[in-house]
Amino acid sequence: MTNRFLIASFPLAGIAAAAAGSAFAVEYLTVEAAQRLMFPSASTYALERPKITPEQLRAIDAGARATSQARQFLIFRAEADQRLLGRIYVDEVIGKSELITYAVAVAPDGAVRQVEILAYRESHGYEVRDPRWRAQFIGKRASSRVMVGDDIANISGATLSSRHVTDGVRRILALDAWLRSDET
């Protein structure tokens, strides 16, 4: 296994800065609260900084059938007693015109455990926060289709938000598969 990670600690300043710029901005969860919610038994959440070349990122995007809007993902290893419980990915996608910050918890076997909306900045489309809609992602893997209108329901009035969050989850699953492939 090659060591492609630089462990560091820095805040996700984009959430607070972007939330301050929109009249409709609502921060539902901090990154730290999402970590505790997604992996409550973890004793550590170590930030990973994968060294991904532009070519590798293009390959991940091609595998996900979605283009990455953000060039920096926050990835945390949730561990207990030095055992990997899973990873938490924090990413942002555009809703209609504003950013949606979300987190995806992925188990060591590559299955989605949970999806949480951390911050929503649009006046419409906030229905992507509905637990029933987000539950559709549980168990999905990089090999799953994960497409609005196929295995993920569209939300009337939140079409762009539901499509972009779905594309983001699919991209995260492709990134997770790529990271796990290097660990074996």
Protein backbone atom coordinates (compact mmCIF):
# COMPACT_ATOMS: atom_id res chain seq x y z
CA MET A 1 0.00 0.00 0.00
CA THR A 2 1.31 3.42 -0.85
CA ASN A 3 0.91 6.22 1.62
CA ARG A 4 -1.16 8.83 -0.21
CA PHE A 5 -2.53 10.59 2.84
CA LEU A 6 -1.42 13.61 4.75
CA ILE A 7 -3.20 13.83 8.08
CA ALA A 8 -3.98 17.44 8.97
CA SER A 9 -6.51 19.47 10.85
CA PHE A 10 -8.31 22.53 9.52
CA PRO A 11 -11.86 23.86 9.73
CA LEU A 12 -14.32 23.74 6.87
CA ALA A 13 -14.43 27.51 6.59
CA GLY A 14 -16.54 27.41 3.45
CA ILE A 15 -19.67 26.43 5.38
CA ALA A 16 -19.68 29.49 7.61
CA ALA A 17 -18.52 31.88 4.91
CA ALA A 18 -21.03 30.73 2.30
CA ALA A 19 -23.88 30.50 4.81
CA ALA A 20 -23.34 34.13 5.73
CA GLY A 21 -23.86 35.21 2.12
CA SER A 22 -27.40 33.89 1.55
CA ALA A 23 -30.64 35.09 3.08
CA PHE A 24 -31.96 31.52 3.02
CA ALA A 25 -28.85 29.83 4.40
CA VAL A 26 -29.41 27.31 7.14
CA GLU A 27 -26.64 25.33 8.78
CA TYR A 28 -28.19 22.14 10.09
CA LEU A 29 -25.08 20.31 11.29
CA THR A 30 -21.44 21.15 11.80
CA VAL A 31 -18.87 18.72 10.45
CA GLU A 32 -18.13 17.62 14.03
CA ALA A 33 -21.82 17.00 14.79
CA ALA A 34 -22.18 14.99 11.57
CA GLN A 35 -19.16 12.88 12.52
CA ARG A 36 -20.68 12.02 15.91
CA LEU A 37 -24.06 11.32 14.33
CA MET A 38 -22.70 9.09 11.57
CA PHE A 39 -20.16 7.12 13.59
CA PRO A 40 -21.11 7.60 17.26
CA SER A 41 -18.79 4.85 18.52
CA ALA A 42 -15.68 6.36 16.87
CA SER A 43 -12.97 7.62 19.16
CA THR A 44 -11.13 9.53 16.42
CA TYR A 45 -11.97 11.27 13.17
CA ALA A 46 -8.65 11.71 11.35
CA LEU A 47 -8.62 14.02 8.35
CA GLU A 48 -7.19 12.38 5.23
CA ARG A 49 -5.74 14.43 2.40
CA PRO A 50 -5.43 12.10 -0.60
CA LYS A 51 -2.92 13.17 -3.20
CA ILE A 52 -5.05 12.87 -6.32
CA THR A 53 -3.58 13.88 -9.65
CA PRO A 54 -5.78 15.68 -12.18
CA GLU A 55 -5.74 12.52 -14.32
CA GLN A 56 -6.88 10.39 -11.39
CA LEU A 57 -9.66 12.86 -10.57
CA ARG A 58 -10.83 12.75 -14.19
CA ALA A 59 -10.89 8.94 -14.01
CA ILE A 60 -12.90 9.07 -10.77
CA ASP A 61 -15.33 11.54 -12.36
CA ALA A 62 -15.66 9.30 -15.44
CA GLY A 63 -16.34 6.29 -13.23
CA ALA A 64 -19.00 8.27 -11.39
CA ARG A 65 -20.55 9.66 -14.58
CA ALA A 66 -20.42 13.08 -12.91
CA THR A 67 -17.97 15.94 -12.98
CA SER A 68 -16.59 17.07 -9.67
CA GLN A 69 -17.57 20.65 -8.87
CA ALA A 70 -15.31 20.82 -5.84
CA ARG A 71 -11.66 20.05 -6.21
CA GLN A 72 -11.19 19.45 -2.52
CA PHE A 73 -13.07 16.87 -0.52
CA LEU A 74 -12.86 16.59 3.22
CA ILE A 75 -12.37 12.96 4.11
CA PHE A 76 -12.31 11.72 7.70
CA ARG A 77 -11.38 8.23 8.87
CA ALA A 78 -13.71 7.25 11.71
CA GLU A 79 -11.85 4.82 13.98
CA ALA A 80 -12.31 3.08 17.30
CA ASP A 81 -9.45 1.18 18.93
CA GLN A 82 -7.36 1.71 15.76
CA ARG A 83 -10.05 -0.11 13.74
CA LEU A 84 -11.58 1.62 10.72
CA LEU A 85 -15.33 2.07 11.17
CA GLY A 86 -15.67 3.94 7.88
CA ARG A 87 -15.08 7.25 6.19
CA ILE A 88 -17.02 10.48 6.24
CA TYR A 89 -16.86 12.57 3.08
CA VAL A 90 -17.83 16.24 3.18
CA ASP A 91 -18.52 17.85 -0.17
CA GLU A 92 -20.47 20.67 -1.76
CA VAL A 93 -22.67 20.72 -4.85
CA ILE A 94 -24.66 23.48 -6.48
CA GLY A 95 -28.41 23.30 -5.82
CA LYS A 96 -29.99 25.68 -8.29
CA SER A 97 -27.54 28.53 -7.77
CA GLU A 98 -26.21 28.14 -4.22
CA LEU A 99 -24.04 25.50 -2.56
CA ILE A 100 -25.38 22.54 -0.65
CA THR A 101 -22.90 21.14 1.87
CA TYR A 102 -23.48 17.48 2.62
CA ALA A 103 -21.72 14.53 4.23
CA VAL A 104 -21.74 10.85 3.30
CA ALA A 105 -20.72 8.08 5.69
CA VAL A 106 -19.31 5.04 3.90
CA ALA A 107 -18.62 1.70 5.62
CA PRO A 108 -15.29 -0.10 5.07
CA ASP A 109 -17.03 -2.40 2.54
CA GLY A 110 -17.97 0.62 0.39
CA ALA A 111 -21.68 0.80 1.28
CA VAL A 112 -23.32 4.11 2.17
CA ARG A 113 -24.34 4.20 5.83
CA GLN A 114 -25.83 7.67 5.95
CA VAL A 115 -26.23 10.95 4.05
CA GLU A 116 -26.70 14.25 5.91
CA ILE A 117 -27.28 17.77 4.61
CA LEU A 118 -25.02 20.07 6.64
CA ALA A 119 -25.95 23.43 5.11
CA TYR A 120 -28.59 24.46 2.60
CA ARG A 121 -28.58 27.92 1.03
CA GLU A 122 -31.45 27.93 -1.47
CA SER A 123 -34.98 29.26 -0.98
CA HIS A 124 -36.45 26.09 -2.55
CA GLY A 125 -35.46 22.45 -2.71
CA TYR A 126 -34.67 21.93 0.97
CA GLU A 127 -36.72 18.72 0.78
CA VAL A 128 -33.43 16.90 0.12
CA ARG A 129 -33.15 16.99 3.91
CA ASP A 130 -36.13 14.63 4.21
CA PRO A 131 -34.87 11.48 6.00
CA ARG A 132 -36.96 9.24 3.72
CA TRP A 133 -35.35 10.70 0.60
CA ARG A 134 -31.82 10.45 2.04
CA ALA A 135 -32.49 6.86 3.20
CA GLN A 136 -32.60 5.79 -0.46
CA PHE A 137 -28.80 6.02 -0.52
CA ILE A 138 -28.23 3.58 2.35
CA GLY A 139 -26.50 0.44 1.10
CA LYS A 140 -25.57 1.96 -2.28
CA ARG A 141 -22.07 1.21 -3.55
CA ALA A 142 -19.86 2.41 -6.39
CA SER A 143 -21.31 -0.43 -8.50
CA SER A 144 -24.89 0.78 -7.87
CA ARG A 145 -26.62 2.93 -10.46
CA VAL A 146 -27.47 5.85 -8.07
CA MET A 147 -29.47 7.91 -10.56
CA VAL A 148 -32.45 10.21 -10.02
CA GLY A 149 -35.45 8.67 -11.77
CA ASP A 150 -33.96 5.18 -11.54
CA ASP A 151 -33.09 4.00 -8.02
CA ILE A 152 -33.32 7.47 -6.43
CA ALA A 153 -36.67 9.29 -6.52
CA ASN A 154 -36.88 12.82 -7.82
CA ILE A 155 -38.36 15.48 -5.55
CA SER A 156 -40.87 17.76 -7.26
CA GLY A 157 -39.79 21.34 -6.55
CA ALA A 158 -36.27 20.18 -5.68
CA THR A 159 -35.28 18.63 -8.99
CA LEU A 160 -31.87 20.29 -9.29
CA SER A 161 -31.00 19.80 -5.62
CA SER A 162 -31.98 16.13 -5.67
CA ARG A 163 -30.12 15.52 -8.94
CA HIS A 164 -26.95 17.31 -7.81
CA VAL A 165 -26.82 15.67 -4.36
CA THR A 166 -27.35 12.30 -6.07
CA ASP A 167 -24.52 13.03 -8.53
CA GLY A 168 -22.34 14.06 -5.58
CA VAL A 169 -23.03 10.84 -3.68
CA ARG A 170 -22.25 8.80 -6.79
CA ARG A 171 -18.97 10.71 -7.19
CA ILE A 172 -18.09 10.10 -3.53
CA LEU A 173 -18.74 6.39 -3.96
CA ALA A 174 -16.36 6.35 -6.95
CA LEU A 175 -13.75 8.22 -4.90
CA ASP A 176 -14.20 5.81 -1.99
CA ALA A 177 -13.77 2.81 -4.30
CA TRP A 178 -10.57 4.34 -5.66
CA LEU A 179 -9.22 4.97 -2.13
CA ARG A 180 -10.09 1.46 -0.96
CA SER A 181 -8.48 -0.10 -4.05
CA ASP A 182 -5.12 1.32 -3.01
CA GLU A 183 -5.45 -0.03 0.55
CA THR A 184 -5.54 -3.67 -0.50
